Amino acid sequence: MQQEGTDMKRIALAILIALLLVCGACAGEEAAQQTLPEPTTEAAAAAPTGAPTKTPAPTPTPTPPPDFSGTDLSGVWVVSAVIDSMGETVSETQLQALGADFSMELLAGGSYFVYDEVGAALGQGTYEVELNVLTLTAAGATTIYEIQDEGTLHCTNADQSITVMNKRVEAVDDENDDESAPADDEAAEDESTEDETADSETTSNV
């Protein structure tokens, strides 16, 4: 009986030792898992993904409008055409019916006058230029013209039609040519007369 009791104690001790070893092994695995370093963000970013890297497209830069602030726009401007909302040019008869056969004179000091087709004054106001925009102000109302170049203005109306105005070019050179033409003719006549007189004298001497 004593021998059997001793064997039972040995078996129980062996089981207890085995349980302790198993628990120790489990605890070691958990500790090892807890101490393993997690992959950093940099390492993850460095890992190849297989997808090609796309370069972002450059943002387009808008082209600045031309600056006519220092341009001399003084002079007489006349309506050269009216383009309707469909892009068609209005006929001369329609221009007269619309009352678009007027002219506008811009003065160097910032004032302007509007005249009808016979040259009678219809009104006056002030104007200013900023970049490519000409702003007319009269009696509290404003009219905006877009400056296309030094000789062309566009005004977009409420019905989306466009009034085109061109700067009138004074024919100063032509007038000077006309004035000098009679003088040239007279000089040519004088030279012809002198030649005839010289020929007559030569003949009489012979």
N, C-alpha and C. Protein backbone atom coordinates (compact mmCIF):
# COMPACT_ATOMS: atom_id res chain seq x y z
N MET A 1 0.84 -1.20 0.00
CA MET A 1 0.00 0.00 0.00
C MET A 1 0.86 1.23 0.00
N GLN A 2 1.90 1.23 0.80
CA GLN A 2 2.81 2.39 0.83
C GLN A 2 3.43 2.62 -0.54
N GLN A 3 3.72 1.49 -1.21
CA GLN A 3 4.34 1.63 -2.54
C GLN A 3 3.37 2.29 -3.50
N GLU A 4 2.08 1.88 -3.44
CA GLU A 4 1.08 2.48 -4.34
C GLU A 4 0.92 3.95 -4.04
N GLY A 5 0.95 4.34 -2.76
CA GLY A 5 0.80 5.76 -2.42
C GLY A 5 1.97 6.57 -2.94
N THR A 6 3.15 5.94 -2.87
CA THR A 6 4.32 6.66 -3.37
C THR A 6 4.23 6.85 -4.86
N ASP A 7 3.77 5.83 -5.59
CA ASP A 7 3.61 5.95 -7.04
C ASP A 7 2.61 7.03 -7.41
N MET A 8 1.52 7.11 -6.66
CA MET A 8 0.48 8.10 -6.94
C MET A 8 1.06 9.51 -6.75
N LYS A 9 1.86 9.69 -5.71
CA LYS A 9 2.46 11.00 -5.47
C LYS A 9 3.39 11.38 -6.62
N ARG A 10 4.17 10.35 -7.10
CA ARG A 10 5.08 10.63 -8.21
C ARG A 10 4.32 11.03 -9.49
N ILE A 11 3.21 10.32 -9.72
CA ILE A 11 2.41 10.62 -10.92
C ILE A 11 1.83 12.03 -10.83
N ALA A 12 1.29 12.35 -9.64
CA ALA A 12 0.71 13.67 -9.45
C ALA A 12 1.76 14.75 -9.61
N LEU A 13 2.97 14.49 -9.09
CA LEU A 13 4.06 15.47 -9.20
C LEU A 13 4.48 15.65 -10.66
N ALA A 14 4.51 14.51 -11.39
CA ALA A 14 4.90 14.59 -12.80
C ALA A 14 3.87 15.40 -13.60
N ILE A 15 2.57 15.17 -13.30
CA ILE A 15 1.51 15.92 -13.99
C ILE A 15 1.63 17.41 -13.69
N LEU A 16 1.92 17.71 -12.42
CA LEU A 16 2.05 19.11 -12.02
C LEU A 16 3.22 19.77 -12.73
N ILE A 17 4.33 19.02 -12.83
CA ILE A 17 5.51 19.57 -13.51
C ILE A 17 5.21 19.79 -14.99
N ALA A 18 4.48 18.85 -15.60
CA ALA A 18 4.13 18.98 -17.02
C ALA A 18 3.25 20.21 -17.25
N LEU A 19 2.27 20.41 -16.32
CA LEU A 19 1.39 21.58 -16.44
C LEU A 19 2.19 22.88 -16.33
N LEU A 20 3.13 22.90 -15.42
CA LEU A 20 3.95 24.10 -15.25
C LEU A 20 4.78 24.39 -16.50
N LEU A 21 5.32 23.31 -17.13
CA LEU A 21 6.10 23.49 -18.34
C LEU A 21 5.24 24.04 -19.48
N VAL A 22 4.01 23.49 -19.60
CA VAL A 22 3.11 23.95 -20.66
C VAL A 22 2.74 25.41 -20.46
N CYS A 23 2.43 25.77 -19.23
CA CYS A 23 2.06 27.17 -18.94
C CYS A 23 3.24 28.11 -19.20
N GLY A 24 4.44 27.65 -18.86
CA GLY A 24 5.62 28.48 -19.11
C GLY A 24 5.88 28.69 -20.58
N ALA A 25 5.64 27.62 -21.36
CA ALA A 25 5.84 27.75 -22.80
C ALA A 25 4.84 28.72 -23.42
N CYS A 26 3.59 28.64 -22.96
CA CYS A 26 2.56 29.57 -23.49
C CYS A 26 2.89 31.01 -23.13
N ALA A 27 3.31 31.19 -21.92
CA ALA A 27 3.66 32.55 -21.49
C ALA A 27 4.84 33.09 -22.29
N GLY A 28 5.79 32.23 -22.63
CA GLY A 28 6.95 32.66 -23.43
C GLY A 28 6.55 33.08 -24.83
N GLU A 29 5.60 32.32 -25.42
CA GLU A 29 5.15 32.68 -26.77
C GLU A 29 4.45 34.03 -26.76
N GLU A 30 3.59 34.26 -25.73
CA GLU A 30 2.88 35.53 -25.66
C GLU A 30 3.86 36.68 -25.50
N ALA A 31 4.87 36.47 -24.68
CA ALA A 31 5.86 37.53 -24.46
C ALA A 31 6.64 37.80 -25.74
N ALA A 32 6.93 36.73 -26.47
CA ALA A 32 7.66 36.91 -27.72
C ALA A 32 6.84 37.68 -28.74
N GLN A 33 5.53 37.38 -28.77
CA GLN A 33 4.66 38.10 -29.70
C GLN A 33 4.54 39.57 -29.34
N GLN A 34 4.50 39.86 -28.06
CA GLN A 34 4.37 41.24 -27.63
C GLN A 34 5.63 42.04 -27.90
N THR A 35 6.78 41.40 -27.91
CA THR A 35 8.04 42.13 -28.10
C THR A 35 8.44 42.25 -29.57
N LEU A 36 7.73 41.58 -30.48
CA LEU A 36 8.07 41.70 -31.90
C LEU A 36 7.75 43.12 -32.39
N PRO A 37 8.67 43.81 -33.08
CA PRO A 37 8.40 45.18 -33.57
C PRO A 37 7.40 45.17 -34.72
N GLU A 38 6.48 46.14 -34.69
CA GLU A 38 5.51 46.28 -35.76
C GLU A 38 6.16 47.03 -36.93
N PRO A 39 5.76 46.70 -38.14
CA PRO A 39 6.35 47.41 -39.30
C PRO A 39 6.02 48.89 -39.26
N THR A 40 7.00 49.73 -39.49
CA THR A 40 6.80 51.18 -39.45
C THR A 40 6.12 51.66 -40.73
N THR A 41 5.62 52.90 -40.67
CA THR A 41 4.96 53.48 -41.83
C THR A 41 5.93 53.68 -42.98
N GLU A 42 7.18 54.06 -42.64
CA GLU A 42 8.18 54.26 -43.68
C GLU A 42 8.48 52.96 -44.42
N ALA A 43 8.56 51.86 -43.66
CA ALA A 43 8.83 50.58 -44.31
C ALA A 43 7.66 50.17 -45.20
N ALA A 44 6.45 50.44 -44.70
CA ALA A 44 5.29 50.09 -45.52
C ALA A 44 5.25 50.95 -46.77
N ALA A 45 5.63 52.24 -46.63
CA ALA A 45 5.62 53.11 -47.80
C ALA A 45 6.68 52.71 -48.80
N ALA A 46 7.81 52.18 -48.27
CA ALA A 46 8.90 51.80 -49.16
C ALA A 46 8.61 50.51 -49.90
N ALA A 47 7.69 49.73 -49.38
CA ALA A 47 7.38 48.45 -50.01
C ALA A 47 6.74 48.69 -51.37
N PRO A 48 7.14 48.00 -52.39
CA PRO A 48 6.56 48.22 -53.72
C PRO A 48 5.10 47.78 -53.74
N THR A 49 4.27 48.61 -54.34
CA THR A 49 2.84 48.31 -54.44
C THR A 49 2.47 47.69 -55.77
N GLY A 50 3.36 47.84 -56.77
CA GLY A 50 3.07 47.28 -58.08
C GLY A 50 2.36 48.25 -58.99
N ALA A 51 1.79 49.39 -58.44
CA ALA A 51 1.09 50.37 -59.27
C ALA A 51 2.04 51.49 -59.64
N PRO A 52 2.05 51.97 -60.90
CA PRO A 52 2.96 53.05 -61.30
C PRO A 52 2.58 54.36 -60.63
N THR A 53 3.58 55.15 -60.30
CA THR A 53 3.34 56.45 -59.67
C THR A 53 2.95 57.46 -60.74
N LYS A 54 1.84 58.17 -60.52
CA LYS A 54 1.34 59.15 -61.47
C LYS A 54 1.81 60.54 -61.06
N THR A 55 2.39 61.25 -62.00
CA THR A 55 2.82 62.62 -61.75
C THR A 55 1.62 63.56 -61.93
N PRO A 56 1.32 64.39 -60.94
CA PRO A 56 0.15 65.29 -61.09
C PRO A 56 0.34 66.25 -62.24
N ALA A 57 -0.73 66.48 -62.97
CA ALA A 57 -0.68 67.39 -64.12
C ALA A 57 -0.50 68.82 -63.63
N PRO A 58 0.30 69.62 -64.32
CA PRO A 58 0.49 71.01 -63.90
C PRO A 58 -0.79 71.82 -64.03
N THR A 59 -1.00 72.72 -63.09
CA THR A 59 -2.19 73.56 -63.11
C THR A 59 -2.02 74.65 -64.17
N PRO A 60 -2.96 74.76 -65.12
CA PRO A 60 -2.82 75.77 -66.17
C PRO A 60 -2.90 77.18 -65.58
N THR A 61 -2.04 78.06 -66.06
CA THR A 61 -2.01 79.44 -65.61
C THR A 61 -2.78 80.30 -66.60
N PRO A 62 -3.79 81.05 -66.14
CA PRO A 62 -4.56 81.88 -67.07
C PRO A 62 -3.71 83.00 -67.65
N THR A 63 -3.95 83.29 -68.92
CA THR A 63 -3.21 84.36 -69.59
C THR A 63 -3.75 85.71 -69.14
N PRO A 64 -2.91 86.59 -68.65
CA PRO A 64 -3.40 87.90 -68.19
C PRO A 64 -3.92 88.71 -69.37
N PRO A 65 -4.95 89.55 -69.16
CA PRO A 65 -5.46 90.37 -70.25
C PRO A 65 -4.47 91.46 -70.62
N PRO A 66 -4.52 91.94 -71.86
CA PRO A 66 -3.61 93.03 -72.25
C PRO A 66 -3.93 94.30 -71.48
N ASP A 67 -2.92 95.14 -71.29
CA ASP A 67 -3.07 96.36 -70.50
C ASP A 67 -3.01 97.57 -71.45
N PHE A 68 -4.15 98.27 -71.57
CA PHE A 68 -4.23 99.47 -72.39
C PHE A 68 -4.33 100.73 -71.53
N SER A 69 -3.94 100.62 -70.27
CA SER A 69 -4.09 101.76 -69.35
C SER A 69 -3.31 102.97 -69.83
N GLY A 70 -2.15 102.76 -70.45
CA GLY A 70 -1.34 103.88 -70.92
C GLY A 70 -1.53 104.21 -72.39
N THR A 71 -2.53 103.61 -73.03
CA THR A 71 -2.75 103.83 -74.46
C THR A 71 -3.63 105.05 -74.68
N ASP A 72 -3.28 105.87 -75.65
CA ASP A 72 -4.08 107.04 -75.99
C ASP A 72 -5.24 106.61 -76.89
N LEU A 73 -6.44 106.59 -76.32
CA LEU A 73 -7.64 106.20 -77.07
C LEU A 73 -8.44 107.41 -77.54
N SER A 74 -7.91 108.61 -77.32
CA SER A 74 -8.65 109.81 -77.70
C SER A 74 -8.84 109.85 -79.21
N GLY A 75 -10.00 110.38 -79.61
CA GLY A 75 -10.34 110.45 -81.02
C GLY A 75 -11.81 110.13 -81.23
N VAL A 76 -12.21 110.07 -82.47
CA VAL A 76 -13.60 109.79 -82.83
C VAL A 76 -13.75 108.31 -83.15
N TRP A 77 -14.76 107.69 -82.52
CA TRP A 77 -15.05 106.27 -82.72
C TRP A 77 -16.44 106.14 -83.36
N VAL A 78 -16.54 105.29 -84.36
CA VAL A 78 -17.80 105.10 -85.07
C VAL A 78 -18.19 103.63 -85.02
N VAL A 79 -19.49 103.37 -85.10
CA VAL A 79 -20.00 102.00 -85.14
C VAL A 79 -19.74 101.42 -86.52
N SER A 80 -18.98 100.35 -86.54
CA SER A 80 -18.67 99.71 -87.82
C SER A 80 -19.53 98.49 -88.09
N ALA A 81 -20.05 97.87 -87.03
CA ALA A 81 -20.87 96.67 -87.22
C ALA A 81 -21.58 96.34 -85.91
N VAL A 82 -22.67 95.60 -86.05
CA VAL A 82 -23.38 95.01 -84.92
C VAL A 82 -23.57 93.53 -85.23
N ILE A 83 -23.10 92.67 -84.34
CA ILE A 83 -23.21 91.23 -84.52
C ILE A 83 -24.28 90.71 -83.56
N ASP A 84 -25.30 90.04 -84.12
CA ASP A 84 -26.38 89.58 -83.26
C ASP A 84 -25.96 88.35 -82.46
N SER A 85 -26.89 87.86 -81.62
CA SER A 85 -26.58 86.75 -80.72
C SER A 85 -26.29 85.45 -81.46
N MET A 86 -26.67 85.37 -82.74
CA MET A 86 -26.41 84.18 -83.55
C MET A 86 -25.10 84.28 -84.32
N GLY A 87 -24.39 85.41 -84.13
CA GLY A 87 -23.12 85.59 -84.82
C GLY A 87 -23.24 86.18 -86.20
N GLU A 88 -24.43 86.66 -86.58
CA GLU A 88 -24.64 87.24 -87.89
C GLU A 88 -24.48 88.76 -87.82
N THR A 89 -23.88 89.34 -88.86
CA THR A 89 -23.69 90.79 -88.91
C THR A 89 -24.97 91.47 -89.37
N VAL A 90 -25.37 92.49 -88.64
CA VAL A 90 -26.61 93.22 -88.94
C VAL A 90 -26.39 94.11 -90.16
N SER A 91 -27.40 94.22 -91.02
CA SER A 91 -27.28 95.02 -92.24
C SER A 91 -27.31 96.51 -91.91
N GLU A 92 -26.94 97.34 -92.90
CA GLU A 92 -26.92 98.78 -92.71
C GLU A 92 -28.31 99.31 -92.39
N THR A 93 -29.32 98.77 -93.06
CA THR A 93 -30.70 99.21 -92.80
C THR A 93 -31.10 98.91 -91.37
N GLN A 94 -30.75 97.73 -90.90
CA GLN A 94 -31.06 97.37 -89.52
C GLN A 94 -30.28 98.22 -88.52
N LEU A 95 -29.05 98.59 -88.88
CA LEU A 95 -28.26 99.47 -88.02
C LEU A 95 -28.98 100.80 -87.80
N GLN A 96 -29.49 101.38 -88.87
CA GLN A 96 -30.21 102.64 -88.74
C GLN A 96 -31.48 102.48 -87.94
N ALA A 97 -32.17 101.35 -88.14
CA ALA A 97 -33.39 101.11 -87.37
C ALA A 97 -33.10 100.94 -85.88
N LEU A 98 -31.94 100.39 -85.56
CA LEU A 98 -31.55 100.20 -84.16
C LEU A 98 -30.98 101.47 -83.54
N GLY A 99 -30.76 102.49 -84.36
CA GLY A 99 -30.15 103.71 -83.85
C GLY A 99 -28.68 103.55 -83.53
N ALA A 100 -28.02 102.64 -84.24
CA ALA A 100 -26.61 102.35 -83.97
C ALA A 100 -25.67 103.15 -84.85
N ASP A 101 -26.20 104.08 -85.65
CA ASP A 101 -25.34 104.88 -86.52
C ASP A 101 -24.89 106.14 -85.80
N PHE A 102 -24.34 105.99 -84.60
CA PHE A 102 -23.85 107.13 -83.83
C PHE A 102 -22.33 107.10 -83.79
N SER A 103 -21.74 108.14 -83.28
CA SER A 103 -20.29 108.21 -83.11
C SER A 103 -19.98 108.70 -81.71
N MET A 104 -18.77 108.47 -81.28
CA MET A 104 -18.36 108.82 -79.92
C MET A 104 -16.96 109.43 -79.98
N GLU A 105 -16.79 110.54 -79.30
CA GLU A 105 -15.49 111.21 -79.27
C GLU A 105 -14.91 111.13 -77.86
N LEU A 106 -13.76 110.51 -77.74
CA LEU A 106 -13.06 110.43 -76.46
C LEU A 106 -12.02 111.53 -76.42
N LEU A 107 -12.07 112.35 -75.36
CA LEU A 107 -11.09 113.41 -75.18
C LEU A 107 -9.97 112.93 -74.27
N ALA A 108 -8.81 113.54 -74.42
CA ALA A 108 -7.63 113.09 -73.66
C ALA A 108 -7.80 113.28 -72.16
N GLY A 109 -8.65 114.19 -71.73
CA GLY A 109 -8.79 114.44 -70.30
C GLY A 109 -9.71 113.49 -69.56
N GLY A 110 -10.33 112.53 -70.27
CA GLY A 110 -11.21 111.57 -69.62
C GLY A 110 -12.68 111.86 -69.82
N SER A 111 -13.01 112.79 -70.71
CA SER A 111 -14.41 113.09 -71.03
C SER A 111 -14.75 112.53 -72.41
N TYR A 112 -16.04 112.34 -72.68
CA TYR A 112 -16.46 111.87 -74.00
C TYR A 112 -17.79 112.49 -74.38
N PHE A 113 -18.04 112.54 -75.67
CA PHE A 113 -19.29 113.05 -76.22
C PHE A 113 -19.84 112.03 -77.21
N VAL A 114 -21.16 111.97 -77.30
CA VAL A 114 -21.84 111.08 -78.25
C VAL A 114 -22.61 111.94 -79.23
N TYR A 115 -22.49 111.60 -80.53
CA TYR A 115 -23.15 112.37 -81.59
C TYR A 115 -24.03 111.44 -82.42
N ASP A 116 -25.08 112.02 -83.01
CA ASP A 116 -25.93 111.23 -83.90
C ASP A 116 -25.33 111.21 -85.30
N GLU A 117 -26.11 110.69 -86.28
CA GLU A 117 -25.55 110.49 -87.61
C GLU A 117 -25.24 111.80 -88.33
N VAL A 118 -25.87 112.92 -87.89
CA VAL A 118 -25.61 114.20 -88.55
C VAL A 118 -24.63 115.06 -87.75
N GLY A 119 -24.11 114.51 -86.63
CA GLY A 119 -23.12 115.23 -85.84
C GLY A 119 -23.66 116.03 -84.69
N ALA A 120 -24.97 115.93 -84.42
CA ALA A 120 -25.55 116.65 -83.28
C ALA A 120 -25.22 115.91 -81.98
N ALA A 121 -24.89 116.67 -80.94
CA ALA A 121 -24.50 116.06 -79.67
C ALA A 121 -25.72 115.43 -78.99
N LEU A 122 -25.55 114.19 -78.56
CA LEU A 122 -26.62 113.48 -77.85
C LEU A 122 -26.39 113.45 -76.35
N GLY A 123 -25.17 113.51 -75.92
CA GLY A 123 -24.87 113.45 -74.49
C GLY A 123 -23.37 113.44 -74.27
N GLN A 124 -23.00 113.45 -72.99
CA GLN A 124 -21.59 113.44 -72.65
C GLN A 124 -21.41 112.77 -71.29
N GLY A 125 -20.17 112.43 -70.98
CA GLY A 125 -19.87 111.77 -69.71
C GLY A 125 -18.38 111.66 -69.52
N THR A 126 -17.98 110.76 -68.67
CA THR A 126 -16.56 110.53 -68.40
C THR A 126 -16.23 109.08 -68.67
N TYR A 127 -14.94 108.81 -68.87
CA TYR A 127 -14.51 107.43 -69.12
C TYR A 127 -13.20 107.17 -68.40
N GLU A 128 -12.94 105.89 -68.18
CA GLU A 128 -11.67 105.46 -67.60
C GLU A 128 -11.30 104.11 -68.20
N VAL A 129 -9.99 103.84 -68.22
CA VAL A 129 -9.46 102.61 -68.80
C VAL A 129 -8.72 101.85 -67.73
N GLU A 130 -9.05 100.56 -67.60
CA GLU A 130 -8.34 99.66 -66.68
C GLU A 130 -8.07 98.35 -67.42
N LEU A 131 -6.79 98.07 -67.62
CA LEU A 131 -6.37 96.91 -68.40
C LEU A 131 -7.00 96.97 -69.78
N ASN A 132 -7.90 96.02 -70.10
CA ASN A 132 -8.53 96.01 -71.43
C ASN A 132 -10.01 96.38 -71.37
N VAL A 133 -10.39 97.16 -70.37
CA VAL A 133 -11.79 97.54 -70.18
C VAL A 133 -11.92 99.06 -70.21
N LEU A 134 -12.82 99.55 -71.08
CA LEU A 134 -13.16 100.97 -71.15
C LEU A 134 -14.54 101.14 -70.53
N THR A 135 -14.61 101.95 -69.47
CA THR A 135 -15.88 102.17 -68.76
C THR A 135 -16.36 103.59 -68.99
N LEU A 136 -17.56 103.73 -69.58
CA LEU A 136 -18.18 105.03 -69.81
C LEU A 136 -19.21 105.26 -68.71
N THR A 137 -19.23 106.46 -68.15
CA THR A 137 -20.19 106.81 -67.10
C THR A 137 -20.88 108.10 -67.47
N ALA A 138 -22.23 108.05 -67.48
CA ALA A 138 -23.03 109.24 -67.79
C ALA A 138 -24.35 109.14 -67.05
N ALA A 139 -24.66 110.20 -66.30
CA ALA A 139 -25.92 110.27 -65.54
C ALA A 139 -26.12 109.06 -64.65
N GLY A 140 -25.04 108.58 -64.03
CA GLY A 140 -25.14 107.46 -63.10
C GLY A 140 -25.16 106.10 -63.74
N ALA A 141 -25.23 106.04 -65.08
CA ALA A 141 -25.24 104.75 -65.78
C ALA A 141 -23.86 104.49 -66.38
N THR A 142 -23.50 103.22 -66.45
CA THR A 142 -22.20 102.84 -67.00
C THR A 142 -22.37 101.93 -68.20
N THR A 143 -21.45 102.06 -69.15
CA THR A 143 -21.39 101.19 -70.32
C THR A 143 -19.97 100.65 -70.41
N ILE A 144 -19.87 99.34 -70.59
CA ILE A 144 -18.57 98.67 -70.60
C ILE A 144 -18.20 98.29 -72.03
N TYR A 145 -17.01 98.67 -72.43
CA TYR A 145 -16.45 98.26 -73.72
C TYR A 145 -15.19 97.45 -73.46
N GLU A 146 -15.03 96.36 -74.20
CA GLU A 146 -13.79 95.58 -74.13
C GLU A 146 -12.86 96.05 -75.25
N ILE A 147 -11.65 96.45 -74.88
CA ILE A 147 -10.69 96.96 -75.84
C ILE A 147 -10.00 95.77 -76.52
N GLN A 148 -10.25 95.61 -77.82
CA GLN A 148 -9.63 94.54 -78.58
C GLN A 148 -8.21 94.91 -78.99
N ASP A 149 -8.05 96.13 -79.47
CA ASP A 149 -6.74 96.69 -79.80
C ASP A 149 -6.88 98.20 -79.78
N GLU A 150 -5.86 98.91 -80.23
CA GLU A 150 -5.88 100.37 -80.15
C GLU A 150 -6.94 101.00 -81.05
N GLY A 151 -7.51 100.24 -81.95
CA GLY A 151 -8.49 100.81 -82.87
C GLY A 151 -9.82 100.09 -82.90
N THR A 152 -10.08 99.17 -81.94
CA THR A 152 -11.31 98.38 -81.97
C THR A 152 -11.87 98.21 -80.57
N LEU A 153 -13.18 98.48 -80.42
CA LEU A 153 -13.89 98.30 -79.16
C LEU A 153 -15.07 97.36 -79.38
N HIS A 154 -15.37 96.52 -78.38
CA HIS A 154 -16.54 95.65 -78.41
C HIS A 154 -17.39 95.92 -77.19
N CYS A 155 -18.70 96.06 -77.41
CA CYS A 155 -19.65 96.22 -76.31
C CYS A 155 -20.69 95.12 -76.41
N THR A 156 -20.79 94.29 -75.37
CA THR A 156 -21.79 93.22 -75.34
C THR A 156 -23.08 93.76 -74.74
N ASN A 157 -24.16 93.72 -75.52
CA ASN A 157 -25.43 94.28 -75.09
C ASN A 157 -26.25 93.26 -74.29
N ALA A 158 -27.38 93.72 -73.78
CA ALA A 158 -28.22 92.86 -72.94
C ALA A 158 -28.74 91.66 -73.71
N ASP A 159 -28.98 91.80 -75.01
CA ASP A 159 -29.48 90.69 -75.82
C ASP A 159 -28.35 89.83 -76.38
N GLN A 160 -27.13 90.00 -75.84
CA GLN A 160 -25.94 89.24 -76.24
C GLN A 160 -25.43 89.62 -77.63
N SER A 161 -25.99 90.68 -78.23
CA SER A 161 -25.41 91.19 -79.46
C SER A 161 -24.17 92.02 -79.12
N ILE A 162 -23.31 92.20 -80.10
CA ILE A 162 -22.04 92.90 -79.88
C ILE A 162 -21.96 94.10 -80.81
N THR A 163 -21.76 95.28 -80.23
CA THR A 163 -21.54 96.49 -81.00
C THR A 163 -20.04 96.68 -81.19
N VAL A 164 -19.62 96.78 -82.44
CA VAL A 164 -18.20 96.95 -82.78
C VAL A 164 -17.97 98.39 -83.18
N MET A 165 -17.00 99.04 -82.53
CA MET A 165 -16.65 100.41 -82.86
C MET A 165 -15.17 100.47 -83.26
N ASN A 166 -14.91 101.27 -84.30
CA ASN A 166 -13.54 101.46 -84.76
C ASN A 166 -13.16 102.94 -84.68
N LYS A 167 -11.89 103.17 -84.41
CA LYS A 167 -11.40 104.54 -84.32
C LYS A 167 -11.23 105.11 -85.72
N ARG A 168 -11.79 106.31 -85.93
CA ARG A 168 -11.69 106.95 -87.23
C ARG A 168 -10.29 107.52 -87.40
N VAL A 169 -9.69 107.19 -88.53
CA VAL A 169 -8.34 107.68 -88.84
C VAL A 169 -8.48 108.91 -89.71
N GLU A 170 -7.94 110.03 -89.21
CA GLU A 170 -8.00 111.27 -89.98
C GLU A 170 -7.01 111.21 -91.13
N ALA A 171 -7.47 111.58 -92.32
CA ALA A 171 -6.64 111.52 -93.53
C ALA A 171 -5.84 112.82 -93.65
N VAL A 172 -4.93 113.04 -92.71
CA VAL A 172 -4.12 114.26 -92.73
C VAL A 172 -3.14 114.24 -93.89
N ASP A 173 -2.51 113.11 -94.13
CA ASP A 173 -1.51 113.01 -95.19
C ASP A 173 -2.12 113.25 -96.57
N ASP A 174 -3.35 112.77 -96.76
CA ASP A 174 -3.99 112.95 -98.07
C ASP A 174 -4.26 114.42 -98.33
N GLU A 175 -4.68 115.17 -97.29
CA GLU A 175 -4.96 116.59 -97.46
C GLU A 175 -3.68 117.34 -97.82
N ASN A 176 -2.59 116.99 -97.15
CA ASN A 176 -1.32 117.64 -97.48
C ASN A 176 -0.90 117.35 -98.91
N ASP A 177 -1.15 116.11 -99.36
CA ASP A 177 -0.81 115.77 -100.74
C ASP A 177 -1.64 116.57 -101.73
N ASP A 178 -2.95 116.77 -101.39
CA ASP A 178 -3.81 117.54 -102.27
C ASP A 178 -3.38 118.99 -102.35
N GLU A 179 -2.93 119.55 -101.20
CA GLU A 179 -2.51 120.94 -101.19
C GLU A 179 -1.21 121.14 -101.96
N SER A 180 -0.32 120.15 -101.91
CA SER A 180 0.97 120.28 -102.59
C SER A 180 0.86 119.99 -104.08
N ALA A 181 -0.23 119.32 -104.50
CA ALA A 181 -0.35 118.97 -105.91
C ALA A 181 -0.42 120.19 -106.82
N PRO A 182 -1.25 121.24 -106.52
CA PRO A 182 -1.26 122.42 -107.40
C PRO A 182 0.10 123.10 -107.47
N ALA A 183 0.81 123.15 -106.35
CA ALA A 183 2.13 123.78 -106.36
C ALA A 183 3.08 123.03 -107.29
N ASP A 184 3.00 121.72 -107.26
CA ASP A 184 3.85 120.94 -108.16
C ASP A 184 3.49 121.19 -109.62
N ASP A 185 2.18 121.32 -109.91
CA ASP A 185 1.76 121.57 -111.28
C ASP A 185 2.25 122.93 -111.76
N GLU A 186 2.17 123.93 -110.86
CA GLU A 186 2.63 125.26 -111.24
C GLU A 186 4.14 125.26 -111.51
N ALA A 187 4.87 124.55 -110.68
CA ALA A 187 6.32 124.48 -110.89
C ALA A 187 6.63 123.83 -112.22
N ALA A 188 5.89 122.78 -112.56
CA ALA A 188 6.12 122.11 -113.83
C ALA A 188 5.80 123.03 -115.00
N GLU A 189 4.72 123.85 -114.88
CA GLU A 189 4.36 124.78 -115.95
C GLU A 189 5.44 125.84 -116.12
N ASP A 190 5.97 126.33 -114.97
CA ASP A 190 7.02 127.34 -115.05
C ASP A 190 8.25 126.80 -115.76
N GLU A 191 8.64 125.56 -115.44
CA GLU A 191 9.80 124.96 -116.09
C GLU A 191 9.56 124.81 -117.59
N SER A 192 8.32 124.44 -117.97
CA SER A 192 8.00 124.27 -119.39
C SER A 192 8.07 125.60 -120.12
N THR A 193 7.61 126.67 -119.48
CA THR A 193 7.64 128.00 -120.09
C THR A 193 9.07 128.46 -120.29
N GLU A 194 9.92 128.23 -119.27
CA GLU A 194 11.31 128.62 -119.40
C GLU A 194 11.99 127.89 -120.53
N ASP A 195 11.67 126.60 -120.70
CA ASP A 195 12.28 125.83 -121.79
C ASP A 195 11.86 126.38 -123.14
N GLU A 196 10.56 126.74 -123.28
CA GLU A 196 10.08 127.27 -124.55
C GLU A 196 10.73 128.61 -124.87
N THR A 197 10.91 129.44 -123.81
CA THR A 197 11.54 130.74 -124.03
C THR A 197 12.98 130.58 -124.48
N ALA A 198 13.69 129.64 -123.85
CA ALA A 198 15.09 129.40 -124.23
C ALA A 198 15.18 128.91 -125.66
N ASP A 199 14.25 128.06 -126.09
CA ASP A 199 14.27 127.56 -127.46
C ASP A 199 14.03 128.69 -128.45
N SER A 200 13.11 129.61 -128.10
CA SER A 200 12.79 130.73 -129.01
C SER A 200 13.99 131.63 -129.18
N GLU A 201 14.70 131.90 -128.06
CA GLU A 201 15.86 132.77 -128.16
C GLU A 201 16.96 132.11 -129.00
N THR A 202 17.12 130.85 -128.87
CA THR A 202 18.13 130.14 -129.64
C THR A 202 17.84 130.20 -131.12
N THR A 203 16.56 130.04 -131.48
CA THR A 203 16.15 130.07 -132.88
C THR A 203 16.37 131.44 -133.49
N SER A 204 16.00 132.49 -132.73
CA SER A 204 16.17 133.86 -133.27
C SER A 204 17.63 134.21 -133.47
N ASN A 205 18.48 133.73 -132.63
CA ASN A 205 19.90 134.01 -132.76
C ASN A 205 20.47 133.33 -134.00
N VAL A 206 20.00 132.20 -134.36
CA VAL A 206 20.47 131.50 -135.54
C VAL A 206 20.05 132.26 -136.78
